[in-house]
N, C-alpha and C. Protein backbone atom coordinates (compact mmCIF):
# COMPACT_ATOMS: atom_id res chain seq x y z
N MET A 1 114.04 105.57 85.54
CA MET A 1 112.89 105.10 84.78
C MET A 1 112.86 105.67 83.38
N GLY A 2 113.72 106.51 83.01
CA GLY A 2 113.71 107.17 81.71
C GLY A 2 113.62 106.20 80.56
N GLY A 3 114.24 106.51 79.48
CA GLY A 3 114.21 105.63 78.33
C GLY A 3 113.17 106.06 77.32
N THR A 4 112.81 105.15 76.44
CA THR A 4 111.91 105.48 75.35
C THR A 4 110.47 105.11 75.66
N ARG A 5 110.23 104.47 76.75
CA ARG A 5 108.87 104.04 77.10
C ARG A 5 108.01 105.26 77.43
N ARG A 6 106.79 105.25 76.91
CA ARG A 6 105.86 106.34 77.21
C ARG A 6 105.09 105.99 78.47
N LEU A 7 105.18 106.87 79.45
CA LEU A 7 104.49 106.64 80.71
C LEU A 7 103.15 107.35 80.70
N PRO A 8 102.12 106.70 81.24
CA PRO A 8 100.81 107.34 81.25
C PRO A 8 100.79 108.52 82.23
N PRO A 9 100.06 109.57 81.89
CA PRO A 9 99.91 110.69 82.82
C PRO A 9 98.84 110.38 83.86
N VAL A 10 99.03 110.91 85.05
CA VAL A 10 98.02 110.79 86.11
C VAL A 10 97.86 112.15 86.78
N ALA A 11 96.78 112.31 87.51
CA ALA A 11 96.57 113.53 88.28
C ALA A 11 97.68 113.67 89.33
N ASP A 12 98.04 114.89 89.62
CA ASP A 12 99.13 115.13 90.56
C ASP A 12 98.90 114.47 91.92
N GLU A 13 97.65 114.39 92.36
CA GLU A 13 97.38 113.78 93.67
C GLU A 13 97.53 112.25 93.65
N ASP A 14 97.62 111.67 92.46
CA ASP A 14 97.82 110.22 92.32
C ASP A 14 99.26 109.85 92.03
N TRP A 15 100.17 110.84 92.07
CA TRP A 15 101.56 110.69 91.67
C TRP A 15 102.47 110.98 92.87
N VAL A 16 103.58 110.25 92.95
CA VAL A 16 104.62 110.53 93.95
C VAL A 16 105.96 110.38 93.25
N SER A 17 106.90 111.27 93.57
CA SER A 17 108.21 111.23 92.91
C SER A 17 108.98 109.97 93.31
N GLN A 18 109.95 109.63 92.50
CA GLN A 18 110.80 108.48 92.82
C GLN A 18 111.53 108.70 94.13
N HIS A 19 111.99 109.93 94.36
CA HIS A 19 112.72 110.23 95.60
C HIS A 19 111.81 110.12 96.82
N ALA A 20 110.58 110.63 96.70
CA ALA A 20 109.64 110.53 97.81
C ALA A 20 109.24 109.08 98.07
N ALA A 21 109.06 108.30 97.00
CA ALA A 21 108.73 106.88 97.15
C ALA A 21 109.87 106.16 97.85
N ALA A 22 111.11 106.45 97.45
CA ALA A 22 112.27 105.82 98.07
C ALA A 22 112.33 106.16 99.56
N LYS A 23 112.07 107.40 99.89
CA LYS A 23 112.11 107.82 101.30
C LYS A 23 111.03 107.10 102.11
N ARG A 24 109.81 107.03 101.58
CA ARG A 24 108.72 106.35 102.29
C ARG A 24 109.00 104.86 102.47
N LEU A 25 109.65 104.25 101.46
CA LEU A 25 109.95 102.83 101.54
C LEU A 25 111.23 102.54 102.31
N GLY A 26 112.04 103.58 102.54
CA GLY A 26 113.31 103.39 103.25
C GLY A 26 114.34 102.67 102.41
N ILE A 27 114.35 102.97 101.10
CA ILE A 27 115.26 102.31 100.17
C ILE A 27 115.96 103.38 99.33
N PRO A 28 117.08 103.03 98.67
CA PRO A 28 117.71 103.97 97.76
C PRO A 28 116.84 104.21 96.52
N VAL A 29 117.04 105.34 95.87
CA VAL A 29 116.23 105.68 94.69
C VAL A 29 116.35 104.62 93.60
N PHE A 30 117.55 104.07 93.39
CA PHE A 30 117.69 103.06 92.33
C PHE A 30 116.80 101.85 92.60
N ALA A 31 116.50 101.57 93.86
CA ALA A 31 115.64 100.43 94.20
C ALA A 31 114.19 100.68 93.79
N VAL A 32 113.79 101.95 93.67
CA VAL A 32 112.46 102.26 93.14
C VAL A 32 112.40 101.78 91.70
N GLY A 33 113.48 102.01 90.95
CA GLY A 33 113.55 101.51 89.57
C GLY A 33 113.45 100.00 89.51
N TRP A 34 114.07 99.33 90.47
CA TRP A 34 113.98 97.87 90.56
C TRP A 34 112.52 97.46 90.81
N GLY A 35 111.83 98.20 91.68
CA GLY A 35 110.42 97.92 91.94
C GLY A 35 109.55 98.12 90.72
N VAL A 36 109.89 99.13 89.93
CA VAL A 36 109.17 99.37 88.67
C VAL A 36 109.46 98.24 87.68
N ALA A 37 110.74 97.89 87.55
CA ALA A 37 111.13 96.83 86.60
C ALA A 37 110.45 95.51 86.91
N ASN A 38 110.20 95.26 88.19
CA ASN A 38 109.58 94.00 88.60
C ASN A 38 108.07 94.15 88.84
N GLU A 39 107.53 95.28 88.41
CA GLU A 39 106.09 95.55 88.42
C GLU A 39 105.47 95.59 89.82
N HIS A 40 106.27 95.96 90.80
CA HIS A 40 105.72 96.17 92.15
C HIS A 40 105.27 97.62 92.32
N LEU A 41 105.87 98.52 91.55
CA LEU A 41 105.49 99.93 91.53
C LEU A 41 105.12 100.30 90.11
N GLU A 42 104.09 101.12 89.97
CA GLU A 42 103.57 101.49 88.65
C GLU A 42 104.13 102.85 88.21
N PRO A 43 104.90 102.88 87.13
CA PRO A 43 105.49 104.14 86.68
C PRO A 43 104.48 105.02 85.94
N VAL A 44 104.53 106.32 86.23
CA VAL A 44 103.63 107.29 85.60
C VAL A 44 104.33 108.64 85.51
N ARG A 45 103.66 109.59 84.86
CA ARG A 45 104.10 110.99 84.80
C ARG A 45 103.01 111.86 85.41
N ASN A 46 103.44 112.96 86.04
CA ASN A 46 102.46 113.91 86.56
C ASN A 46 102.13 114.94 85.48
N SER A 47 101.37 115.98 85.83
CA SER A 47 100.93 116.97 84.85
C SER A 47 102.09 117.77 84.27
N ARG A 48 103.22 117.83 84.97
CA ARG A 48 104.41 118.54 84.48
C ARG A 48 105.32 117.63 83.65
N GLY A 49 104.99 116.35 83.58
CA GLY A 49 105.82 115.40 82.83
C GLY A 49 106.91 114.75 83.66
N ASP A 50 106.91 115.00 84.97
CA ASP A 50 107.91 114.39 85.85
C ASP A 50 107.58 112.91 86.07
N GLU A 51 108.62 112.08 86.06
CA GLU A 51 108.43 110.64 86.27
C GLU A 51 108.31 110.34 87.76
N GLY A 52 107.48 109.35 88.06
CA GLY A 52 107.29 108.90 89.43
C GLY A 52 106.51 107.60 89.42
N VAL A 53 105.84 107.33 90.52
CA VAL A 53 105.01 106.13 90.62
C VAL A 53 103.65 106.53 91.18
N THR A 54 102.67 105.64 91.00
CA THR A 54 101.35 105.96 91.53
C THR A 54 101.33 105.83 93.05
N VAL A 55 100.51 106.66 93.66
CA VAL A 55 100.33 106.58 95.11
C VAL A 55 99.78 105.21 95.47
N GLY A 56 98.85 104.70 94.66
CA GLY A 56 98.26 103.39 94.94
C GLY A 56 99.28 102.28 94.96
N SER A 57 100.19 102.28 93.98
CA SER A 57 101.20 101.21 93.95
C SER A 57 102.17 101.36 95.12
N LEU A 58 102.47 102.59 95.51
CA LEU A 58 103.33 102.81 96.68
C LEU A 58 102.65 102.30 97.94
N GLU A 59 101.37 102.60 98.11
CA GLU A 59 100.64 102.13 99.28
C GLU A 59 100.55 100.60 99.32
N ARG A 60 100.33 99.97 98.17
CA ARG A 60 100.30 98.50 98.12
C ARG A 60 101.65 97.91 98.50
N GLU A 61 102.74 98.54 98.02
CA GLU A 61 104.08 98.05 98.34
C GLU A 61 104.37 98.22 99.83
N LEU A 62 103.98 99.35 100.40
CA LEU A 62 104.16 99.56 101.84
C LEU A 62 103.39 98.51 102.64
N ALA A 63 102.16 98.23 102.23
CA ALA A 63 101.35 97.23 102.93
C ALA A 63 101.97 95.84 102.81
N TRP A 64 102.46 95.49 101.61
CA TRP A 64 103.08 94.18 101.42
C TRP A 64 104.30 94.05 102.32
N ARG A 65 105.14 95.08 102.33
CA ARG A 65 106.35 95.03 103.15
C ARG A 65 106.03 94.94 104.64
N ALA A 66 104.95 95.58 105.06
CA ALA A 66 104.59 95.56 106.48
C ALA A 66 104.15 94.17 106.92
N GLY A 67 103.54 93.40 106.01
CA GLY A 67 103.02 92.10 106.39
C GLY A 67 103.80 90.90 105.89
N ALA A 68 104.83 91.14 105.09
CA ALA A 68 105.56 90.03 104.48
C ALA A 68 106.53 89.38 105.46
N SER A 69 106.51 88.07 105.49
CA SER A 69 107.45 87.33 106.31
C SER A 69 108.83 87.36 105.66
N ARG A 70 109.81 86.95 106.40
CA ARG A 70 111.17 86.87 105.85
C ARG A 70 111.20 85.89 104.66
N ALA A 71 110.48 84.78 104.78
CA ALA A 71 110.44 83.79 103.69
C ALA A 71 109.77 84.38 102.45
N ALA A 72 108.69 85.15 102.64
CA ALA A 72 108.00 85.78 101.50
C ALA A 72 108.91 86.79 100.82
N ARG A 73 109.66 87.53 101.61
CA ARG A 73 110.59 88.51 101.04
C ARG A 73 111.68 87.81 100.22
N LEU A 74 112.18 86.71 100.75
CA LEU A 74 113.23 85.96 100.06
C LEU A 74 112.70 85.35 98.76
N ARG A 75 111.49 84.77 98.79
CA ARG A 75 110.87 84.22 97.58
C ARG A 75 110.68 85.30 96.52
N ARG A 76 110.19 86.44 96.96
CA ARG A 76 109.97 87.54 96.02
C ARG A 76 111.29 88.01 95.41
N PHE A 77 112.31 88.15 96.23
CA PHE A 77 113.61 88.58 95.73
C PHE A 77 114.15 87.58 94.70
N ALA A 78 114.06 86.30 95.01
CA ALA A 78 114.55 85.26 94.09
C ALA A 78 113.76 85.29 92.78
N ARG A 79 112.45 85.40 92.87
CA ARG A 79 111.61 85.44 91.67
C ARG A 79 111.93 86.69 90.84
N ASP A 80 112.08 87.83 91.51
CA ASP A 80 112.40 89.07 90.80
C ASP A 80 113.76 88.97 90.12
N LEU A 81 114.71 88.38 90.79
CA LEU A 81 116.05 88.24 90.23
C LEU A 81 116.02 87.33 88.99
N LEU A 82 115.31 86.24 89.10
CA LEU A 82 115.19 85.33 87.95
C LEU A 82 114.45 86.00 86.79
N ASP A 83 113.40 86.73 87.08
CA ASP A 83 112.65 87.41 86.04
C ASP A 83 113.48 88.49 85.37
N TYR A 84 114.36 89.12 86.13
CA TYR A 84 115.19 90.19 85.59
C TYR A 84 116.17 89.67 84.55
N PHE A 85 116.72 88.50 84.81
CA PHE A 85 117.70 87.91 83.89
C PHE A 85 117.00 86.95 82.99
């Protein structure tokens, strides 16, 4: 998630690291970046300046994944891929 973009700071209790988010989602860390790029996860910094995502966006993503059908997942993937390029 690095780069030149300025990420908003949040309280530590509203922040989760990229590695922890990846573990909770059961995906590789680079896929957290994909989720950020496609606006499914909200990038932020904690009080120490560490990059991560909001707990709220992680919880929303977990809920979406728990209820999404195979067709919904495929549509989302296709839309994200098209938006990326």
